[in-house]
Amino acid sequence: MAKSEKRALVTGAAGLIGSHLTDLLVREGWKVRALDNLEPQTHRRGKPAWIHPEAEFIHGDIRDRETIATALDKIDIVFHQAAYGGYMPEISKYVHVNSLGTAQMLEVIREKSLPIQKIIVASSQAVYSEGAGICPRHGLVFPTVRPIEQLRKGDWEVHCPICGAVTKSAPTPENAPVGGETVYGLTKVDQEKLVLLWGKQVGVPAVALRYSCTYGPRQSIFNPYTGVIAIFCTRLLNNLSPVLYEDGRQTRDFSFVEDIARANLLAAETDKLDGLAVNVGGGKGVPIRQVAQILSKALKIDIEPEARGEFRPGEMRHLTSDTTKIRSAGYKPQIELEEGIQRYIDWIRSQSDIRDYFSEAEQILKSKGIVHRVEVGNA
């Protein structure tokens, strides 16, 4: 099939990844239908101006059966990016949007015998309990989530599950145990397993892309629960300290949003990843404290980040993606962190009313037991 004839549905198309993916597909000659419910937490001003004018936009909810049936009509490839995300307290909404919404979409395709040729679903590094580690005695190990009792003592290290020794972070391969230690992570496991299992049952190729920390222009400045770069940036622009959980030395693998869009296109156009869950990342672990410092320097706002002895149970200490699998299919990230951060800053400076939404949200997270503090005497 010629590229110009391919018809794609992008769910969550107004969001960070969905909108950049839509742009890329349109540039590549695809016909794109863009579905988004314009979640108020993320899109406080309604439909954003960046939705591509050549995409057919549907304002609707992935949970609505009629909406998804209409959106899937005459579609070849589904890029399922829609999800409720971040560290928010609504347990049932995560499950309803992410798990049920995905299951229902698959039901509709099967019930109506729609001629879908492939589904690419957005998964996340949040499916892992903890990043892989190297134990001085036992080599490569896959530690479980750090117990809350350990974190309350201010012990942030990741210990070997066999002997208890402190491990050194190692790239996490796709065969590491998954389970998800947050509600969001749990529903991401649901999404990827539902899509991959369904694909095998009905004979439709499917790919689950486990994104590392994605950032870039269009990351919501209104949502104080997602995106550490966006949160730190809005704090600094309001002359406030970036808030570090634990000691700020935890590491993350960052991906610029345009690289993530390219990974989706690759997954659609190659059969090398079919049926698989696949890491997408830069393959480099960057300390969160360093991210705050890079932002501070780029913004020319000299405010030190602040660690207050707080932590989020279930959050992994280190996660660097082993990207061997997707690189073997031809993927190579193009945007380094410093360049990507500068491009994000250029974008955010063009936005109006860059308020700090984190401070209010922080109190909600504490009251709901999502953020904890080290016990007195251990700080």
Protein backbone atom coordinates (compact mmCIF):
# COMPACT_ATOMS: atom_id res chain seq x y z
CA MET A 1 0.00 0.00 0.00
CA ALA A 2 1.39 3.40 -0.94
CA LYS A 3 2.12 5.73 1.95
CA SER A 4 -0.32 8.31 0.66
CA GLU A 5 -3.15 5.79 0.98
CA LYS A 6 -2.54 4.84 4.60
CA ARG A 7 -5.21 5.99 7.01
CA ALA A 8 -4.31 6.34 10.67
CA LEU A 9 -6.27 6.91 13.83
CA VAL A 10 -4.29 8.68 16.55
CA THR A 11 -6.02 8.57 19.92
CA GLY A 12 -4.95 11.19 22.45
CA ALA A 13 -4.03 13.31 19.44
CA ALA A 14 -4.10 16.68 21.23
CA GLY A 15 -1.53 15.53 23.77
CA LEU A 16 2.24 15.80 23.79
CA ILE A 17 3.05 12.63 21.86
CA GLY A 18 -0.19 12.33 19.90
CA SER A 19 0.07 15.81 18.40
CA HIS A 20 3.68 15.40 17.27
CA LEU A 21 2.87 11.96 15.88
CA THR A 22 -0.05 13.47 13.96
CA ASP A 23 2.26 16.13 12.49
CA LEU A 24 4.79 13.49 11.42
CA LEU A 25 2.17 11.26 9.80
CA VAL A 26 0.65 14.16 7.86
CA ARG A 27 4.14 15.17 6.65
CA GLU A 28 4.71 11.60 5.52
CA GLY A 29 1.54 11.63 3.44
CA TRP A 30 -0.81 9.71 5.71
CA LYS A 31 -4.49 10.56 6.12
CA VAL A 32 -4.97 11.11 9.86
CA ARG A 33 -8.03 11.07 12.08
CA ALA A 34 -7.27 12.65 15.47
CA LEU A 35 -9.34 11.67 18.53
CA ASP A 36 -9.08 13.44 21.89
CA ASN A 37 -11.42 14.20 24.79
CA LEU A 38 -9.45 17.38 25.69
CA GLU A 39 -9.05 16.35 29.35
CA PRO A 40 -9.43 19.61 31.34
CA GLN A 41 -6.50 18.76 33.63
CA THR A 42 -4.25 18.90 30.57
CA HIS A 43 -6.13 21.23 28.20
CA ARG A 44 -7.52 23.95 30.43
CA ARG A 45 -8.05 26.26 27.47
CA GLY A 46 -9.84 23.72 25.31
CA LYS A 47 -8.72 22.55 21.90
CA PRO A 48 -5.08 23.59 21.40
CA ALA A 49 -4.00 25.50 18.31
CA TRP A 50 -1.36 22.91 17.45
CA ILE A 51 -3.80 20.22 16.25
CA HIS A 52 -2.87 19.80 12.59
CA PRO A 53 -5.42 21.45 10.27
CA GLU A 54 -5.12 18.61 7.75
CA ALA A 55 -6.11 15.99 10.35
CA GLU A 56 -9.77 15.14 10.83
CA PHE A 57 -10.38 16.01 14.48
CA ILE A 58 -12.96 14.22 16.62
CA HIS A 59 -13.67 15.59 20.09
CA GLY A 60 -14.70 12.50 21.99
CA ASP A 61 -13.90 10.06 24.76
CA ILE A 62 -12.16 6.73 24.22
CA ARG A 63 -14.62 5.24 26.73
CA ASP A 64 -17.64 6.04 24.57
CA ARG A 65 -18.44 3.05 22.33
CA GLU A 66 -20.13 5.05 19.57
CA THR A 67 -17.29 7.57 19.49
CA ILE A 68 -14.61 4.93 19.11
CA ALA A 69 -16.63 3.06 16.48
CA THR A 70 -16.93 6.25 14.43
CA ALA A 71 -13.23 7.03 14.89
CA LEU A 72 -12.19 3.56 13.67
CA ASP A 73 -14.24 3.68 10.46
CA LYS A 74 -12.07 3.15 7.35
CA ILE A 75 -8.82 3.14 9.40
CA ASP A 76 -5.76 1.01 8.56
CA ILE A 77 -3.40 1.67 11.48
CA VAL A 78 -4.26 2.64 15.07
CA PHE A 79 -1.75 4.61 17.14
CA HIS A 80 -3.32 4.31 20.60
CA GLN A 81 -1.79 7.14 22.64
CA ALA A 82 -4.83 8.07 24.75
CA ALA A 83 -4.35 7.54 28.49
CA TYR A 84 -4.96 9.15 31.85
CA GLY A 85 -1.52 9.67 33.34
CA GLY A 86 0.73 10.95 36.07
CA TYR A 87 0.62 10.80 39.86
CA MET A 88 -3.06 11.57 40.41
CA PRO A 89 -5.33 10.13 43.11
CA GLU A 90 -8.26 8.91 40.98
CA ILE A 91 -7.82 5.12 40.96
CA SER A 92 -11.04 4.30 39.12
CA LYS A 93 -10.43 6.86 36.37
CA TYR A 94 -7.06 5.33 35.49
CA VAL A 95 -8.70 1.92 35.17
CA HIS A 96 -11.75 3.24 33.32
CA VAL A 97 -9.81 5.27 30.75
CA ASN A 98 -6.70 3.17 30.26
CA SER A 99 -7.78 -0.42 30.86
CA LEU A 100 -11.49 -0.37 30.00
CA GLY A 101 -11.08 2.17 27.19
CA THR A 102 -8.46 -0.02 25.50
CA ALA A 103 -10.44 -3.23 25.99
CA GLN A 104 -13.56 -1.67 24.54
CA MET A 105 -11.70 -0.38 21.48
CA LEU A 106 -10.45 -3.90 20.78
CA GLU A 107 -13.98 -5.28 21.26
CA VAL A 108 -15.38 -2.81 18.73
CA ILE A 109 -12.75 -3.76 16.13
CA ARG A 110 -13.53 -7.45 16.53
CA GLU A 111 -17.32 -7.12 16.75
CA LYS A 112 -17.49 -4.98 13.61
CA SER A 113 -14.78 -6.99 11.79
CA LEU A 114 -12.95 -3.77 11.01
CA PRO A 115 -9.98 -4.22 8.64
CA ILE A 116 -7.35 -2.82 11.00
CA GLN A 117 -3.88 -3.77 9.78
CA LYS A 118 -1.84 -2.93 12.89
CA ILE A 119 -2.14 -1.40 16.37
CA ILE A 120 0.69 0.45 18.10
CA VAL A 121 -0.11 1.10 21.76
CA ALA A 122 1.67 3.58 24.01
CA SER A 123 3.07 1.75 27.01
CA SER A 124 5.58 3.09 29.53
CA GLN A 125 8.69 2.36 31.54
CA ALA A 126 6.27 2.57 34.48
CA VAL A 127 5.40 -1.10 33.83
CA TYR A 128 8.69 -2.07 35.51
CA SER A 129 8.85 -2.36 39.28
CA GLU A 130 12.43 -1.12 39.45
CA GLY A 131 15.23 -0.73 36.96
CA ALA A 132 17.75 -3.54 36.52
CA GLY A 133 20.80 -3.55 38.78
CA ILE A 134 24.25 -5.08 39.05
CA CYS A 135 24.96 -6.79 42.37
CA PRO A 136 28.67 -7.19 43.27
CA ARG A 137 27.97 -10.87 44.10
CA HIS A 138 25.07 -11.93 41.89
CA GLY A 139 25.53 -9.88 38.72
CA LEU A 140 22.43 -8.70 36.83
CA VAL A 141 19.38 -8.72 39.09
CA PHE A 142 15.85 -7.37 38.88
CA PRO A 143 15.08 -5.81 42.28
CA THR A 144 11.53 -5.44 43.49
CA VAL A 145 10.05 -2.10 44.49
CA ARG A 146 11.75 -0.55 47.52
CA PRO A 147 9.64 -1.12 50.66
CA ILE A 148 7.98 1.94 52.15
CA GLU A 149 9.60 1.09 55.49
CA GLN A 150 13.02 1.45 53.85
CA LEU A 151 12.09 4.79 52.27
CA ARG A 152 10.77 6.16 55.55
CA LYS A 153 14.29 5.69 56.94
CA GLY A 154 15.75 7.77 54.13
CA ASP A 155 17.46 4.76 52.56
CA TRP A 156 17.05 5.43 48.85
CA GLU A 157 19.37 2.71 47.54
CA VAL A 158 18.27 -0.30 45.51
CA HIS A 159 19.29 -3.52 47.21
CA CYS A 160 19.94 -6.93 45.67
CA PRO A 161 16.86 -9.14 46.17
CA ILE A 162 19.13 -12.10 46.94
CA CYS A 163 21.77 -10.77 49.35
CA GLY A 164 20.71 -7.20 50.15
CA ALA A 165 23.84 -5.56 48.76
CA VAL A 166 23.53 -2.13 47.16
CA THR A 167 23.23 -2.50 43.39
CA LYS A 168 24.51 -0.34 40.56
CA SER A 169 21.99 0.72 37.93
CA ALA A 170 22.03 -1.17 34.62
CA PRO A 171 19.99 -0.84 31.41
CA THR A 172 16.62 -2.52 31.81
CA PRO A 173 15.75 -5.06 29.08
CA GLU A 174 12.21 -5.89 28.01
CA ASN A 175 12.34 -9.29 29.71
CA ALA A 176 12.60 -7.64 33.15
CA PRO A 177 9.60 -8.43 35.37
CA VAL A 178 6.62 -6.13 34.88
CA GLY A 179 3.78 -5.39 37.25
CA GLY A 180 3.56 -1.67 37.76
CA GLU A 181 3.90 -0.21 41.25
CA THR A 182 1.59 2.75 40.67
CA VAL A 183 -2.01 2.68 39.48
CA TYR A 184 -0.89 4.33 36.25
CA GLY A 185 1.84 1.70 35.77
CA LEU A 186 -0.64 -1.09 36.50
CA THR A 187 -3.02 0.17 33.80
CA LYS A 188 -0.14 0.50 31.34
CA VAL A 189 0.56 -3.20 31.91
CA ASP A 190 -3.14 -3.78 31.18
CA GLN A 191 -3.01 -1.77 27.97
CA GLU A 192 0.04 -3.45 26.50
CA LYS A 193 -1.00 -6.99 27.49
CA LEU A 194 -4.55 -6.50 26.21
CA VAL A 195 -3.34 -5.22 22.83
CA LEU A 196 -0.59 -7.82 22.35
CA LEU A 197 -2.81 -10.72 23.46
CA TRP A 198 -5.70 -9.52 21.29
CA GLY A 199 -3.38 -9.13 18.31
CA LYS A 200 -2.22 -12.74 18.61
CA GLN A 201 -5.80 -14.00 18.98
CA VAL A 202 -7.19 -12.24 15.92
CA GLY A 203 -4.06 -12.21 13.77
CA VAL A 204 -3.53 -8.44 13.71
CA PRO A 205 0.09 -7.26 14.19
CA ALA A 206 0.48 -5.24 17.38
CA VAL A 207 3.36 -3.43 19.08
CA ALA A 208 3.59 -1.98 22.59
CA LEU A 209 6.14 0.83 22.87
CA ARG A 210 7.44 1.32 26.40
CA TYR A 211 8.32 5.01 26.39
CA SER A 212 10.96 6.46 28.65
CA CYS A 213 10.35 9.93 30.16
CA THR A 214 9.01 11.93 27.22
CA TYR A 215 9.27 15.72 27.08
CA GLY A 216 9.18 18.60 24.62
CA PRO A 217 7.05 21.44 23.27
CA ARG A 218 3.29 21.06 23.99
CA GLN A 219 3.83 19.26 27.29
CA SER A 220 1.01 20.64 29.38
CA ILE A 221 1.92 23.61 31.57
CA PHE A 222 -1.39 23.12 33.40
CA ASN A 223 -0.97 19.55 34.62
CA PRO A 224 1.12 19.52 37.81
CA TYR A 225 1.17 15.74 38.01
CA THR A 226 3.08 14.80 34.86
CA GLY A 227 6.44 15.66 33.30
CA VAL A 228 9.32 16.58 35.58
CA ILE A 229 10.84 18.96 33.01
CA ALA A 230 7.57 20.86 32.60
CA ILE A 231 7.04 21.03 36.38
CA PHE A 232 10.59 22.23 37.09
CA CYS A 233 10.39 24.77 34.29
CA THR A 234 7.14 26.36 35.50
CA ARG A 235 8.52 26.45 39.06
CA LEU A 236 11.69 28.26 37.95
CA LEU A 237 9.76 30.72 35.76
CA ASN A 238 7.77 31.62 38.89
CA ASN A 239 11.01 32.08 40.91
CA LEU A 240 10.37 28.93 42.93
CA SER A 241 12.73 26.06 43.68
CA PRO A 242 12.27 22.80 41.78
CA VAL A 243 11.17 20.21 44.35
CA LEU A 244 13.22 16.99 44.40
CA TYR A 245 11.85 13.77 45.82
CA GLU A 246 14.27 11.54 47.74
CA ASP A 247 17.74 13.11 47.31
CA GLY A 248 17.39 14.04 43.64
CA ARG A 249 20.00 11.50 42.58
CA GLN A 250 17.46 9.11 41.09
CA THR A 251 17.97 8.74 37.35
CA ARG A 252 15.66 8.70 34.36
CA ASP A 253 16.04 8.03 30.66
CA PHE A 254 14.68 11.02 28.71
CA SER A 255 13.28 11.04 25.17
CA PHE A 256 12.44 14.08 23.09
CA VAL A 257 8.88 13.87 21.81
CA GLU A 258 9.84 13.98 18.11
CA ASP A 259 12.03 10.92 18.63
CA ILE A 260 9.07 9.10 20.21
CA ALA A 261 6.93 10.04 17.20
CA ARG A 262 9.59 8.59 14.89
CA ALA A 263 9.59 5.37 16.91
CA ASN A 264 5.84 5.04 16.35
CA LEU A 265 6.24 5.52 12.61
CA LEU A 266 9.00 2.91 12.55
CA ALA A 267 6.81 0.43 14.45
CA ALA A 268 4.06 0.96 11.88
CA GLU A 269 6.33 0.46 8.87
CA THR A 270 8.47 -2.51 9.96
CA ASP A 271 7.42 -6.04 10.88
CA LYS A 272 10.52 -6.57 13.06
CA LEU A 273 8.73 -5.42 16.22
CA ASP A 274 5.36 -7.09 15.63
CA GLY A 275 3.94 -8.88 18.66
CA LEU A 276 6.48 -7.37 21.02
CA ALA A 277 6.74 -4.96 23.93
CA VAL A 278 9.64 -2.66 23.03
CA ASN A 279 11.62 -0.11 25.04
CA VAL A 280 11.99 3.35 23.50
CA GLY A 281 14.53 5.64 25.12
CA GLY A 282 17.87 7.32 24.85
CA GLY A 283 19.72 4.62 26.76
CA LYS A 284 21.22 7.16 29.21
CA GLY A 285 20.34 7.62 32.86
CA VAL A 286 20.30 11.28 33.92
CA PRO A 287 20.03 12.32 37.61
CA ILE A 288 16.91 14.39 38.29
CA ARG A 289 19.01 16.94 40.20
CA GLN A 290 21.09 17.42 37.05
CA VAL A 291 17.93 18.02 35.01
CA ALA A 292 16.99 20.83 37.40
CA GLN A 293 20.46 22.34 37.00
CA ILE A 294 20.35 22.14 33.18
CA LEU A 295 16.99 23.92 33.22
CA SER A 296 18.21 26.57 35.64
CA LYS A 297 21.23 27.30 33.45
CA ALA A 298 19.21 27.36 30.21
CA LEU A 299 16.60 29.70 31.73
CA LYS A 300 19.30 31.86 33.37
CA ILE A 301 17.37 31.59 36.64
CA ASP A 302 19.79 30.64 39.41
CA ILE A 303 17.61 28.85 41.97
CA GLU A 304 18.86 25.68 43.64
CA PRO A 305 16.54 22.66 43.68
CA GLU A 306 15.16 21.69 47.06
CA ALA A 307 15.10 18.18 48.57
CA ARG A 308 12.80 18.05 51.60
CA GLY A 309 12.99 14.41 52.61
CA GLU A 310 9.84 13.50 50.69
CA PHE A 311 9.21 10.47 48.51
CA ARG A 312 6.53 8.72 46.49
CA PRO A 313 6.02 5.03 47.32
CA GLY A 314 6.22 2.80 44.26
CA GLU A 315 8.50 5.17 42.35
CA MET A 316 11.56 3.49 40.89
CA ARG A 317 15.01 4.74 41.80
CA HIS A 318 16.79 4.21 38.49
CA LEU A 319 15.50 3.42 35.04
CA THR A 320 17.62 3.38 31.90
CA SER A 321 16.06 1.62 28.94
CA ASP A 322 17.95 -1.13 27.14
CA THR A 323 17.11 -0.09 23.57
CA THR A 324 18.91 -2.90 21.74
CA LYS A 325 15.68 -4.28 20.30
CA ILE A 326 14.34 -1.09 18.73
CA ARG A 327 17.79 0.02 17.55
CA SER A 328 18.15 -3.30 15.72
CA ALA A 329 14.97 -2.35 13.82
CA GLY A 330 16.58 0.94 12.73
CA TYR A 331 15.66 3.37 15.50
CA LYS A 332 18.14 6.02 16.58
CA PRO A 333 17.20 9.00 18.78
CA GLN A 334 18.27 12.29 17.24
CA ILE A 335 17.79 14.95 19.93
CA GLU A 336 20.15 15.18 22.92
CA LEU A 337 18.77 16.33 26.29
CA GLU A 338 20.33 19.80 26.30
CA GLU A 339 19.03 20.58 22.80
CA GLY A 340 15.61 19.19 23.64
CA ILE A 341 15.38 21.23 26.83
CA GLN A 342 16.32 24.40 24.93
CA ARG A 343 13.60 23.70 22.38
CA TYR A 344 11.10 23.17 25.19
CA ILE A 345 12.15 26.44 26.86
CA ASP A 346 11.82 28.33 23.56
CA TRP A 347 8.28 26.98 23.33
CA ILE A 348 7.22 27.60 26.92
CA ARG A 349 8.44 31.21 26.77
CA SER A 350 5.93 31.74 23.97
CA GLN A 351 3.06 30.65 26.23
CA SER A 352 1.03 33.03 28.37
CA ASP A 353 0.08 32.70 32.05
CA ILE A 354 2.82 30.26 33.04
CA ARG A 355 1.63 29.71 36.59
CA ASP A 356 2.92 27.31 39.21
CA TYR A 357 0.23 24.65 39.50
CA PHE A 358 2.48 22.30 41.44
CA SER A 359 2.19 23.93 44.89
CA GLU A 360 -1.56 23.34 45.16
CA ALA A 361 -1.30 19.85 43.68
CA GLU A 362 1.47 19.00 46.13
CA GLN A 363 -0.90 19.43 49.07
CA ILE A 364 -3.43 17.13 47.39
CA LEU A 365 -0.79 14.47 46.84
CA LYS A 366 0.25 14.63 50.49
CA SER A 367 -3.33 14.49 51.78
CA LYS A 368 -4.09 11.46 49.58
CA GLY A 369 -0.99 9.57 50.76
CA ILE A 370 0.79 9.72 47.39
CA VAL A 371 3.70 11.77 48.75
CA HIS A 372 5.28 10.75 52.07
CA ARG A 373 7.97 12.21 54.28
CA VAL A 374 10.99 10.56 55.89
CA GLU A 375 10.30 9.81 59.56
CA VAL A 376 11.72 12.27 62.10
CA GLY A 377 15.21 11.21 63.13
CA ASN A 378 15.98 9.67 59.74
CA ALA A 379 16.05 12.84 57.63
